[in-house]
Structure formats: structure tokens, C-alpha cells
Amino acid sequence: IVYVNGTTGDDATGERGNPLKPFKTIQKGIDVAVSVEDTVLVADGTYTVPDNPGYLDTKGKAITVTSENGPDKTIIDSKGSPTIQKRAFGIHLGEGPNTVISGFTMTGGYKPKGGAIFCQYTSPRIENNIITGNNAQDSGGAIICQAASTSQPISPIIVNNIITDNHAQNYGGGIVC
């Protein structure tokens, strides 16, 4: 387990597997995680996403990123806008169903496609989240999952999420796959 605590953590001195020395940011927890056995366990609180690249990047890893006590207590506020475009997660390096995103409220995303979650060429498992108040200039206000062609099928597993009050200028205020 890789522990993350936005209040008591420290990305410079945190230690992998040490609940008494957690990391401060979710991205640092993801960076330290390595394999399918790894869980990035995020403590209660409100977290933001890095300015560059503007989302939490799972980096092709088959890991679980989950909150400790559920989406009511663990919020990812992207703080996106038309001039500062951000989203909660970018999943784009061939991740499969062993990449799990679970137990967060994701809000405040603003991107051309996929206001909260952008999946490209991937099939992650997205479960037990509240995805609300995100915007896409084009499509997929909450989530977009896309592939380059029908010869490269994707099969994201999107289950037991509350998806509400997300907007897209063209189509798919909720989900586009």
C-alpha cells in the first residue's frame, strides 16, 4: 500500500508502505506504485491535480487508486477553467481492468474532451465515484473513452458511479465511449 494524506503527508520524505510517513499528493503515490498488487490509498480531504500535465496520470500502471473512506470524504477538485484546463484523471497508456479508480468525488474539470476522466486506448475499471460539476468543450462532460479505430476495441468497466450535472458543448454530458 502507498499511503497519501494531503494534510500530514510530504512528497519529499514520504515512505512507500509507511502509514506514519504518507505522501502528500495523489500523483506522488501513483509515481511510487509499481504493480497490480499496489494500492494508492488516499486519506480524507480535498486534492487538486498537477498543473502539468493538468491531470493525474496513471502512467500505464495496473494499480488501484482509491479513497480510504469513500467519495463523500475524498474530493478531487480539478479547478479547471477555459484558460486553465484540467481534469481528474488521464488514462492513456494501455491500462486494462487492473487499473482501478475508486471512491472519489471528481469535480471542477474542464477540458475539450473528458471533463473528469479521459481514457484513450484503455479499459480501466472506474467504480464507486461521484462525478459531478465537470465540463467538456466538445464531448464527454464526465468521461470519454476512445480508441483510434474499431480494430482496437476498448472495454472500460464503469460501475456504481453517480454521474450528475456534467456538461458538454456538443454531445455526451455524461459519458461518451
C-alpha atoms as a PDB file:
ATOM      1  CA  ILE A   1       0.000   0.000   0.000  1.00  0.00           C
ATOM      2  CA  VAL A   2       1.167   3.506  -0.844  1.00  0.00           C
ATOM      3  CA  TYR A   3      -0.360   5.987   1.608  1.00  0.00           C
ATOM      4  CA  VAL A   4      -1.383   9.536   0.675  1.00  0.00           C
ATOM      5  CA  ASN A   5      -2.517  12.207   3.119  1.00  0.00           C
ATOM      6  CA  GLY A   6      -2.889  15.780   1.877  1.00  0.00           C
ATOM      7  CA  THR A   7      -2.730  17.162   5.424  1.00  0.00           C
ATOM      8  CA  THR A   8       0.127  15.268   7.091  1.00  0.00           C
ATOM      9  CA  GLY A   9       1.975  13.903   4.045  1.00  0.00           C
ATOM     10  CA  ASP A  10       5.245  15.033   2.486  1.00  0.00           C
ATOM     11  CA  ASP A  11       6.279  14.135  -1.050  1.00  0.00           C
ATOM     12  CA  ALA A  12       9.961  14.668  -0.199  1.00  0.00           C
ATOM     13  CA  THR A  13      10.122  12.440   2.885  1.00  0.00           C
ATOM     14  CA  GLY A  14       7.155  10.092   2.497  1.00  0.00           C
ATOM     15  CA  GLU A  15       7.902   6.384   2.535  1.00  0.00           C
ATOM     16  CA  ARG A  16       6.287   3.691   0.471  1.00  0.00           C
ATOM     17  CA  GLY A  17       4.224   1.416   2.699  1.00  0.00           C
ATOM     18  CA  ASN A  18       4.563   3.578   5.807  1.00  0.00           C
ATOM     19  CA  PRO A  19       1.211   4.919   7.060  1.00  0.00           C
ATOM     20  CA  LEU A  20       3.072   7.181   9.503  1.00  0.00           C
ATOM     21  CA  LYS A  21       5.006   8.823   6.631  1.00  0.00           C
ATOM     22  CA  PRO A  22       2.487   9.233   3.807  1.00  0.00           C
ATOM     23  CA  PHE A  23       2.988  11.160   0.602  1.00  0.00           C
ATOM     24  CA  LYS A  24       1.169  14.489   0.212  1.00  0.00           C
ATOM     25  CA  THR A  25      -0.149  14.213  -3.361  1.00  0.00           C
ATOM     26  CA  ILE A  26      -2.023  11.513  -5.231  1.00  0.00           C
ATOM     27  CA  GLN A  27       0.351  11.846  -8.192  1.00  0.00           C
ATOM     28  CA  LYS A  28       3.366  11.067  -5.998  1.00  0.00           C
ATOM     29  CA  GLY A  29       1.554   7.982  -4.723  1.00  0.00           C
ATOM     30  CA  ILE A  30       0.893   6.875  -8.308  1.00  0.00           C
ATOM     31  CA  ASP A  31       4.520   7.568  -9.258  1.00  0.00           C
ATOM     32  CA  VAL A  32       5.790   5.342  -6.417  1.00  0.00           C
ATOM     33  CA  ALA A  33       3.341   2.476  -7.083  1.00  0.00           C
ATOM     34  CA  VAL A  34       4.623  -0.208  -9.426  1.00  0.00           C
ATOM     35  CA  SER A  35       2.411  -3.223  -9.959  1.00  0.00           C
ATOM     36  CA  VAL A  36      -1.052  -4.761  -9.824  1.00  0.00           C
ATOM     37  CA  GLU A  37      -0.542  -5.565  -6.171  1.00  0.00           C
ATOM     38  CA  ASP A  38      -0.156  -1.872  -5.346  1.00  0.00           C
ATOM     39  CA  THR A  39      -2.930   0.255  -3.912  1.00  0.00           C
ATOM     40  CA  VAL A  40      -2.623   4.011  -3.594  1.00  0.00           C
ATOM     41  CA  LEU A  41      -4.757   4.644  -0.503  1.00  0.00           C
ATOM     42  CA  VAL A  42      -5.865   8.277  -0.235  1.00  0.00           C
ATOM     43  CA  ALA A  43      -6.911   9.780   3.105  1.00  0.00           C
ATOM     44  CA  ASP A  44      -9.938  12.037   3.522  1.00  0.00           C
ATOM     45  CA  GLY A  45      -9.571  15.558   2.172  1.00  0.00           C
ATOM     46  CA  THR A  46      -9.697  17.713  -0.926  1.00  0.00           C
ATOM     47  CA  TYR A  47      -6.955  17.216  -3.511  1.00  0.00           C
ATOM     48  CA  THR A  48      -6.058  19.083  -6.696  1.00  0.00           C
ATOM     49  CA  VAL A  49      -4.344  17.884  -9.854  1.00  0.00           C
ATOM     50  CA  PRO A  50      -0.885  18.892 -11.105  1.00  0.00           C
ATOM     51  CA  ASP A  51      -0.664  21.912 -13.397  1.00  0.00           C
ATOM     52  CA  ASN A  52       1.435  19.927 -15.830  1.00  0.00           C
ATOM     53  CA  PRO A  53       0.001  17.822 -17.465  1.00  0.00           C
ATOM     54  CA  GLY A  54      -3.293  19.009 -15.935  1.00  0.00           C
ATOM     55  CA  TYR A  55      -4.498  15.611 -14.670  1.00  0.00           C
ATOM     56  CA  LEU A  56      -3.497  12.656 -12.524  1.00  0.00           C
ATOM     57  CA  ASP A  57      -1.631  10.267 -14.833  1.00  0.00           C
ATOM     58  CA  THR A  58      -1.797   6.544 -14.093  1.00  0.00           C
ATOM     59  CA  LYS A  59       1.235   6.072 -16.382  1.00  0.00           C
ATOM     60  CA  GLY A  60       0.155   2.710 -17.772  1.00  0.00           C
ATOM     61  CA  LYS A  61       0.252   1.046 -14.356  1.00  0.00           C
ATOM     62  CA  ALA A  62      -2.087  -1.735 -13.272  1.00  0.00           C
ATOM     63  CA  ILE A  63      -2.739  -0.237  -9.824  1.00  0.00           C
ATOM     64  CA  THR A  64      -5.699   0.684  -7.662  1.00  0.00           C
ATOM     65  CA  VAL A  65      -6.119   4.338  -6.725  1.00  0.00           C
ATOM     66  CA  THR A  66      -8.786   4.515  -4.028  1.00  0.00           C
ATOM     67  CA  SER A  67     -10.004   6.628  -1.159  1.00  0.00           C
ATOM     68  CA  GLU A  68      -9.863   5.458   2.402  1.00  0.00           C
ATOM     69  CA  ASN A  69     -13.456   6.371   3.312  1.00  0.00           C
ATOM     70  CA  GLY A  70     -15.367   6.920   0.082  1.00  0.00           C
ATOM     71  CA  PRO A  71     -16.348   9.744  -2.242  1.00  0.00           C
ATOM     72  CA  ASP A  72     -18.181  11.787   0.392  1.00  0.00           C
ATOM     73  CA  LYS A  73     -14.899  12.319   2.214  1.00  0.00           C
ATOM     74  CA  THR A  74     -12.307  12.360  -0.585  1.00  0.00           C
ATOM     75  CA  ILE A  75     -12.616  15.010  -3.284  1.00  0.00           C
ATOM     76  CA  ILE A  76     -10.507  15.688  -6.343  1.00  0.00           C
ATOM     77  CA  ASP A  77     -11.226  19.299  -7.332  1.00  0.00           C
ATOM     78  CA  SER A  78      -9.525  19.873 -10.667  1.00  0.00           C
ATOM     79  CA  LYS A  79     -10.073  23.645 -10.521  1.00  0.00           C
ATOM     80  CA  GLY A  80     -10.301  23.730 -14.308  1.00  0.00           C
ATOM     81  CA  SER A  81     -11.497  26.627 -16.447  1.00  0.00           C
ATOM     82  CA  PRO A  82     -11.422  27.691 -20.108  1.00  0.00           C
ATOM     83  CA  THR A  83      -7.974  29.204 -19.518  1.00  0.00           C
ATOM     84  CA  ILE A  84      -6.602  26.575 -17.093  1.00  0.00           C
ATOM     85  CA  GLN A  85      -7.706  23.222 -18.473  1.00  0.00           C
ATOM     86  CA  LYS A  86      -7.562  20.345 -16.010  1.00  0.00           C
ATOM     87  CA  ARG A  87      -9.327  17.052 -15.301  1.00  0.00           C
ATOM     88  CA  ALA A  88      -9.111  14.454 -12.524  1.00  0.00           C
ATOM     89  CA  PHE A  89      -7.563  11.506 -14.438  1.00  0.00           C
ATOM     90  CA  GLY A  90      -5.858  10.856 -17.759  1.00  0.00           C
ATOM     91  CA  ILE A  91      -5.659   7.135 -18.515  1.00  0.00           C
ATOM     92  CA  HIS A  92      -3.952   6.714 -21.857  1.00  0.00           C
ATOM     93  CA  LEU A  93      -1.144   4.168 -21.906  1.00  0.00           C
ATOM     94  CA  GLY A  94      -2.930   0.868 -22.488  1.00  0.00           C
ATOM     95  CA  GLU A  95      -4.252   0.355 -18.970  1.00  0.00           C
ATOM     96  CA  GLY A  96      -6.634  -2.567 -18.529  1.00  0.00           C
ATOM     97  CA  PRO A  97      -9.183  -3.636 -15.896  1.00  0.00           C
ATOM     98  CA  ASN A  98      -6.449  -3.978 -13.261  1.00  0.00           C
ATOM     99  CA  THR A  99      -6.184  -0.187 -13.274  1.00  0.00           C
ATOM    100  CA  VAL A 100      -8.912   0.831 -10.825  1.00  0.00           C
ATOM    101  CA  ILE A 101     -10.111   4.324  -9.881  1.00  0.00           C
ATOM    102  CA  SER A 102     -12.487   4.128  -6.931  1.00  0.00           C
ATOM    103  CA  GLY A 103     -14.080   6.144  -4.155  1.00  0.00           C
ATOM    104  CA  PHE A 104     -13.626   9.789  -5.163  1.00  0.00           C
ATOM    105  CA  THR A 105     -15.796  12.798  -5.815  1.00  0.00           C
ATOM    106  CA  MET A 106     -14.396  14.323  -9.022  1.00  0.00           C
ATOM    107  CA  THR A 107     -15.434  17.888  -9.743  1.00  0.00           C
ATOM    108  CA  GLY A 108     -14.269  21.094 -11.386  1.00  0.00           C
ATOM    109  CA  GLY A 109     -12.823  19.520 -14.520  1.00  0.00           C
ATOM    110  CA  TYR A 110     -12.708  21.485 -17.772  1.00  0.00           C
ATOM    111  CA  LYS A 111     -11.181  20.037 -20.947  1.00  0.00           C
ATOM    112  CA  PRO A 112     -12.071  19.720 -24.640  1.00  0.00           C
ATOM    113  CA  LYS A 113     -12.930  16.025 -24.146  1.00  0.00           C
ATOM    114  CA  GLY A 114     -13.483  14.168 -20.886  1.00  0.00           C
ATOM    115  CA  GLY A 115     -14.124  16.790 -18.229  1.00  0.00           C
ATOM    116  CA  ALA A 116     -13.299  14.432 -15.330  1.00  0.00           C
ATOM    117  CA  ILE A 117     -11.759  11.309 -16.902  1.00  0.00           C
ATOM    118  CA  PHE A 118     -10.093  10.826 -20.281  1.00  0.00           C
ATOM    119  CA  CYS A 119      -9.496   7.224 -21.387  1.00  0.00           C
ATOM    120  CA  GLN A 120      -7.702   6.658 -24.658  1.00  0.00           C
ATOM    121  CA  TYR A 121      -6.797   3.148 -25.880  1.00  0.00           C
ATOM    122  CA  THR A 122      -7.551   1.830 -22.372  1.00  0.00           C
ATOM    123  CA  SER A 123     -10.032  -0.309 -20.468  1.00  0.00           C
ATOM    124  CA  PRO A 124      -9.792   0.719 -16.800  1.00  0.00           C
ATOM    125  CA  ARG A 125     -12.271  -0.014 -14.031  1.00  0.00           C
ATOM    126  CA  ILE A 126     -13.979   3.148 -12.747  1.00  0.00           C
ATOM    127  CA  GLU A 127     -16.194   2.410  -9.762  1.00  0.00           C
ATOM    128  CA  ASN A 128     -17.865   3.856  -6.686  1.00  0.00           C
ATOM    129  CA  ASN A 129     -17.237   7.514  -7.565  1.00  0.00           C
ATOM    130  CA  ILE A 130     -19.315  10.672  -7.642  1.00  0.00           C
ATOM    131  CA  ILE A 131     -18.560  12.575 -10.836  1.00  0.00           C
ATOM    132  CA  THR A 132     -20.236  15.972 -10.809  1.00  0.00           C
ATOM    133  CA  GLY A 133     -19.757  19.524 -11.989  1.00  0.00           C
ATOM    134  CA  ASN A 134     -17.314  18.878 -14.855  1.00  0.00           C
ATOM    135  CA  ASN A 135     -17.298  20.390 -18.348  1.00  0.00           C
ATOM    136  CA  ALA A 136     -16.086  19.419 -21.799  1.00  0.00           C
ATOM    137  CA  GLN A 137     -15.850  21.882 -24.652  1.00  0.00           C
ATOM    138  CA  ASP A 138     -16.628  19.090 -27.108  1.00  0.00           C
ATOM    139  CA  SER A 139     -17.784  15.755 -25.659  1.00  0.00           C
ATOM    140  CA  GLY A 140     -17.810  13.590 -22.562  1.00  0.00           C
ATOM    141  CA  GLY A 141     -18.601  16.065 -19.801  1.00  0.00           C
ATOM    142  CA  ALA A 142     -17.816  13.432 -17.156  1.00  0.00           C
ATOM    143  CA  ILE A 143     -15.958  10.633 -19.002  1.00  0.00           C
ATOM    144  CA  ILE A 144     -14.754   9.961 -22.515  1.00  0.00           C
ATOM    145  CA  CYS A 145     -13.279   6.634 -23.609  1.00  0.00           C
ATOM    146  CA  GLN A 146     -11.985   6.429 -27.144  1.00  0.00           C
ATOM    147  CA  ALA A 147      -9.903   4.282 -29.464  1.00  0.00           C
ATOM    148  CA  ALA A 148      -8.224   5.066 -32.759  1.00  0.00           C
ATOM    149  CA  SER A 149     -10.377   2.588 -34.695  1.00  0.00           C
ATOM    150  CA  THR A 150     -12.788  -0.301 -34.317  1.00  0.00           C
ATOM    151  CA  SER A 151      -9.855  -2.671 -34.814  1.00  0.00           C
ATOM    152  CA  GLN A 152      -8.538  -1.519 -31.441  1.00  0.00           C
ATOM    153  CA  PRO A 153     -11.504  -2.216 -29.126  1.00  0.00           C
ATOM    154  CA  ILE A 154     -11.726  -0.810 -25.634  1.00  0.00           C
ATOM    155  CA  SER A 155     -13.865  -2.139 -22.804  1.00  0.00           C
ATOM    156  CA  PRO A 156     -13.858   0.210 -19.817  1.00  0.00           C
ATOM    157  CA  ILE A 157     -15.775  -1.013 -16.785  1.00  0.00           C
ATOM    158  CA  ILE A 158     -17.801   1.880 -15.398  1.00  0.00           C
ATOM    159  CA  VAL A 159     -19.921   0.672 -12.497  1.00  0.00           C
ATOM    160  CA  ASN A 160     -21.692   2.015  -9.412  1.00  0.00           C
ATOM    161  CA  ASN A 161     -20.876   5.684 -10.050  1.00  0.00           C
ATOM    162  CA  ILE A 162     -23.119   8.697  -9.535  1.00  0.00           C
ATOM    163  CA  ILE A 163     -22.715  10.898 -12.612  1.00  0.00           C
ATOM    164  CA  THR A 164     -24.627  14.158 -12.404  1.00  0.00           C
ATOM    165  CA  ASP A 165     -24.526  17.805 -13.500  1.00  0.00           C
ATOM    166  CA  ASN A 166     -21.726  17.405 -16.052  1.00  0.00           C
ATOM    167  CA  HIS A 167     -21.884  19.296 -19.337  1.00  0.00           C
ATOM    168  CA  ALA A 168     -20.536  19.001 -22.866  1.00  0.00           C
ATOM    169  CA  GLN A 169     -20.970  21.618 -25.557  1.00  0.00           C
ATOM    170  CA  ASN A 170     -21.610  19.120 -28.358  1.00  0.00           C
ATOM    171  CA  TYR A 171     -22.640  15.715 -27.013  1.00  0.00           C
ATOM    172  CA  GLY A 172     -22.350  13.316 -24.112  1.00  0.00           C
ATOM    173  CA  GLY A 173     -22.730  15.411 -20.987  1.00  0.00           C
ATOM    174  CA  GLY A 174     -22.256  12.192 -19.014  1.00  0.00           C
ATOM    175  CA  ILE A 175     -20.258   9.510 -20.829  1.00  0.00           C
ATOM    176  CA  VAL A 176     -19.024   9.077 -24.386  1.00  0.00           C
ATOM    177  CA  CYS A 177     -17.409   5.790 -25.453  1.00  0.00           C
END
